[in-house]
Amino acid sequence: MSEILLRRPEVEVRTGLSRSTVYSWMKRGDFPQPVKLGTRLVAWRESEVTAWLESREKRAA
C-alpha cells in the first residue's frame, strides 16, 4: 500500500496552520518533517499529519 503525500496547501487546510507556522514548528520539532520529492518540492505523509492532529486533540481534551 502506498503512502498518500500531501502538498503544503493541503497540509495548511487540514491543520488550519499558516505556511510560516508549519515551517516554524518543523524547525522546533513540533510538526512532522516533509519528504523531499525534488530540488524545491516537498510533501508530508498523510499518516504523520493525521497522527499529529490526533495528538493535538488529545492534549486539548
N, C-alpha and C. Protein backbone atom coordinates (compact mmCIF):
# COMPACT_ATOMS: atom_id res chain seq x y z
N MET A 1 0.85 -1.18 0.00
CA MET A 1 0.00 0.00 0.00
C MET A 1 0.89 1.24 0.00
N SER A 2 0.62 2.16 -0.91
CA SER A 2 1.46 3.35 -0.98
C SER A 2 0.93 4.44 -0.06
N GLU A 3 1.84 5.22 0.42
CA GLU A 3 1.53 6.32 1.35
C GLU A 3 0.99 7.51 0.56
N ILE A 4 -0.06 8.14 1.08
CA ILE A 4 -0.59 9.35 0.45
C ILE A 4 0.28 10.52 0.91
N LEU A 5 0.68 11.33 -0.05
CA LEU A 5 1.51 12.50 0.25
C LEU A 5 0.68 13.76 0.06
N LEU A 6 0.83 14.69 0.98
CA LEU A 6 0.09 15.95 0.95
C LEU A 6 1.03 17.11 0.66
N ARG A 7 0.65 17.94 -0.29
CA ARG A 7 1.42 19.15 -0.56
C ARG A 7 1.07 20.21 0.47
N ARG A 8 1.87 21.25 0.56
CA ARG A 8 1.71 22.26 1.59
C ARG A 8 0.32 22.87 1.66
N PRO A 9 -0.30 23.27 0.54
CA PRO A 9 -1.65 23.86 0.66
C PRO A 9 -2.65 22.92 1.34
N GLU A 10 -2.57 21.62 1.05
CA GLU A 10 -3.46 20.65 1.68
C GLU A 10 -3.15 20.51 3.17
N VAL A 11 -1.88 20.54 3.53
CA VAL A 11 -1.48 20.47 4.94
C VAL A 11 -2.04 21.69 5.68
N GLU A 12 -1.96 22.86 5.06
CA GLU A 12 -2.48 24.08 5.68
C GLU A 12 -3.99 23.98 5.90
N VAL A 13 -4.72 23.45 4.92
CA VAL A 13 -6.17 23.30 5.04
C VAL A 13 -6.51 22.32 6.16
N ARG A 14 -5.84 21.18 6.17
CA ARG A 14 -6.15 20.14 7.17
C ARG A 14 -5.79 20.55 8.59
N THR A 15 -4.71 21.31 8.75
CA THR A 15 -4.25 21.66 10.09
C THR A 15 -4.76 23.02 10.55
N GLY A 16 -5.11 23.88 9.61
CA GLY A 16 -5.51 25.24 9.95
C GLY A 16 -4.32 26.13 10.26
N LEU A 17 -3.12 25.65 9.93
CA LEU A 17 -1.89 26.42 10.20
C LEU A 17 -1.46 27.18 8.95
N SER A 18 -0.80 28.29 9.15
CA SER A 18 -0.24 29.05 8.03
C SER A 18 1.09 28.42 7.62
N ARG A 19 1.55 28.82 6.45
CA ARG A 19 2.83 28.32 5.94
C ARG A 19 3.96 28.61 6.92
N SER A 20 4.00 29.85 7.42
CA SER A 20 5.09 30.23 8.32
C SER A 20 5.04 29.43 9.63
N THR A 21 3.83 29.15 10.12
CA THR A 21 3.70 28.37 11.36
C THR A 21 4.16 26.93 11.13
N VAL A 22 3.77 26.34 10.01
CA VAL A 22 4.20 24.97 9.69
C VAL A 22 5.72 24.88 9.72
N TYR A 23 6.39 25.79 9.01
CA TYR A 23 7.85 25.74 8.94
C TYR A 23 8.51 26.08 10.27
N SER A 24 7.94 27.01 11.01
CA SER A 24 8.47 27.36 12.33
C SER A 24 8.37 26.16 13.28
N TRP A 25 7.22 25.50 13.30
CA TRP A 25 7.03 24.35 14.18
C TRP A 25 7.88 23.16 13.75
N MET A 26 8.10 23.01 12.43
CA MET A 26 9.00 21.94 11.96
C MET A 26 10.41 22.18 12.50
N LYS A 27 10.85 23.43 12.45
CA LYS A 27 12.19 23.79 12.93
C LYS A 27 12.35 23.47 14.42
N ARG A 28 11.28 23.70 15.21
CA ARG A 28 11.29 23.40 16.64
C ARG A 28 11.10 21.92 16.94
N GLY A 29 10.71 21.14 15.93
CA GLY A 29 10.45 19.72 16.14
C GLY A 29 9.03 19.44 16.59
N ASP A 30 8.14 20.42 16.41
CA ASP A 30 6.75 20.27 16.84
C ASP A 30 5.80 19.90 15.71
N PHE A 31 6.32 19.66 14.52
CA PHE A 31 5.50 19.28 13.38
C PHE A 31 6.29 18.30 12.53
N PRO A 32 5.60 17.32 11.90
CA PRO A 32 6.32 16.32 11.09
C PRO A 32 7.18 16.93 9.99
N GLN A 33 8.27 16.29 9.71
CA GLN A 33 9.16 16.73 8.63
C GLN A 33 8.61 16.23 7.29
N PRO A 34 8.78 17.03 6.25
CA PRO A 34 8.30 16.60 4.93
C PRO A 34 9.26 15.63 4.25
N VAL A 35 8.76 15.00 3.20
CA VAL A 35 9.56 14.13 2.34
C VAL A 35 10.01 14.98 1.17
N LYS A 36 11.28 14.94 0.86
CA LYS A 36 11.80 15.72 -0.26
C LYS A 36 11.54 14.97 -1.57
N LEU A 37 10.81 15.60 -2.48
CA LEU A 37 10.45 14.96 -3.75
C LEU A 37 11.29 15.49 -4.91
N GLY A 38 11.94 16.60 -4.70
CA GLY A 38 12.75 17.20 -5.75
C GLY A 38 13.56 18.33 -5.15
N THR A 39 14.20 19.09 -5.99
CA THR A 39 15.05 20.18 -5.53
C THR A 39 14.26 21.18 -4.68
N ARG A 40 13.07 21.55 -5.15
CA ARG A 40 12.25 22.53 -4.42
C ARG A 40 10.85 22.00 -4.17
N LEU A 41 10.72 20.69 -4.05
CA LEU A 41 9.41 20.08 -3.93
C LEU A 41 9.36 19.15 -2.72
N VAL A 42 8.43 19.43 -1.80
CA VAL A 42 8.27 18.57 -0.62
C VAL A 42 6.79 18.23 -0.44
N ALA A 43 6.55 17.17 0.32
CA ALA A 43 5.19 16.78 0.68
C ALA A 43 5.26 16.08 2.03
N TRP A 44 4.14 16.04 2.70
CA TRP A 44 4.08 15.40 4.02
C TRP A 44 3.30 14.11 3.91
N ARG A 45 3.70 13.11 4.68
CA ARG A 45 2.96 11.85 4.72
C ARG A 45 1.63 12.10 5.42
N GLU A 46 0.55 11.69 4.79
CA GLU A 46 -0.77 11.90 5.37
C GLU A 46 -0.88 11.25 6.75
N SER A 47 -0.30 10.07 6.90
CA SER A 47 -0.38 9.36 8.18
C SER A 47 0.28 10.15 9.30
N GLU A 48 1.39 10.83 9.01
CA GLU A 48 2.09 11.61 10.03
C GLU A 48 1.31 12.88 10.39
N VAL A 49 0.69 13.51 9.39
CA VAL A 49 -0.11 14.70 9.66
C VAL A 49 -1.34 14.31 10.48
N THR A 50 -1.98 13.20 10.13
CA THR A 50 -3.15 12.71 10.87
C THR A 50 -2.78 12.38 12.31
N ALA A 51 -1.66 11.69 12.50
CA ALA A 51 -1.21 11.35 13.85
C ALA A 51 -0.91 12.62 14.65
N TRP A 52 -0.31 13.60 14.01
CA TRP A 52 -0.01 14.87 14.69
C TRP A 52 -1.31 15.55 15.13
N LEU A 53 -2.31 15.58 14.22
CA LEU A 53 -3.60 16.19 14.55
C LEU A 53 -4.26 15.46 15.72
N GLU A 54 -4.22 14.14 15.71
CA GLU A 54 -4.82 13.35 16.78
C GLU A 54 -4.13 13.61 18.11
N SER A 55 -2.81 13.75 18.09
CA SER A 55 -2.07 14.02 19.34
C SER A 55 -2.42 15.41 19.89
N ARG A 56 -2.69 16.37 19.00
CA ARG A 56 -3.09 17.72 19.43
C ARG A 56 -4.48 17.68 20.05
N GLU A 57 -5.37 16.88 19.48
CA GLU A 57 -6.72 16.76 20.01
C GLU A 57 -6.70 16.15 21.41
N LYS A 58 -5.85 15.17 21.62
CA LYS A 58 -5.77 14.51 22.93
C LYS A 58 -5.25 15.49 23.98
N ARG A 59 -4.28 16.33 23.61
CA ARG A 59 -3.73 17.33 24.55
C ARG A 59 -4.78 18.36 24.92
N ALA A 60 -5.62 18.72 23.98
CA ALA A 60 -6.64 19.75 24.21
C ALA A 60 -7.81 19.22 25.05
N ALA A 61 -7.99 17.91 25.07
CA ALA A 61 -9.12 17.32 25.81
C ALA A 61 -8.90 17.30 27.31
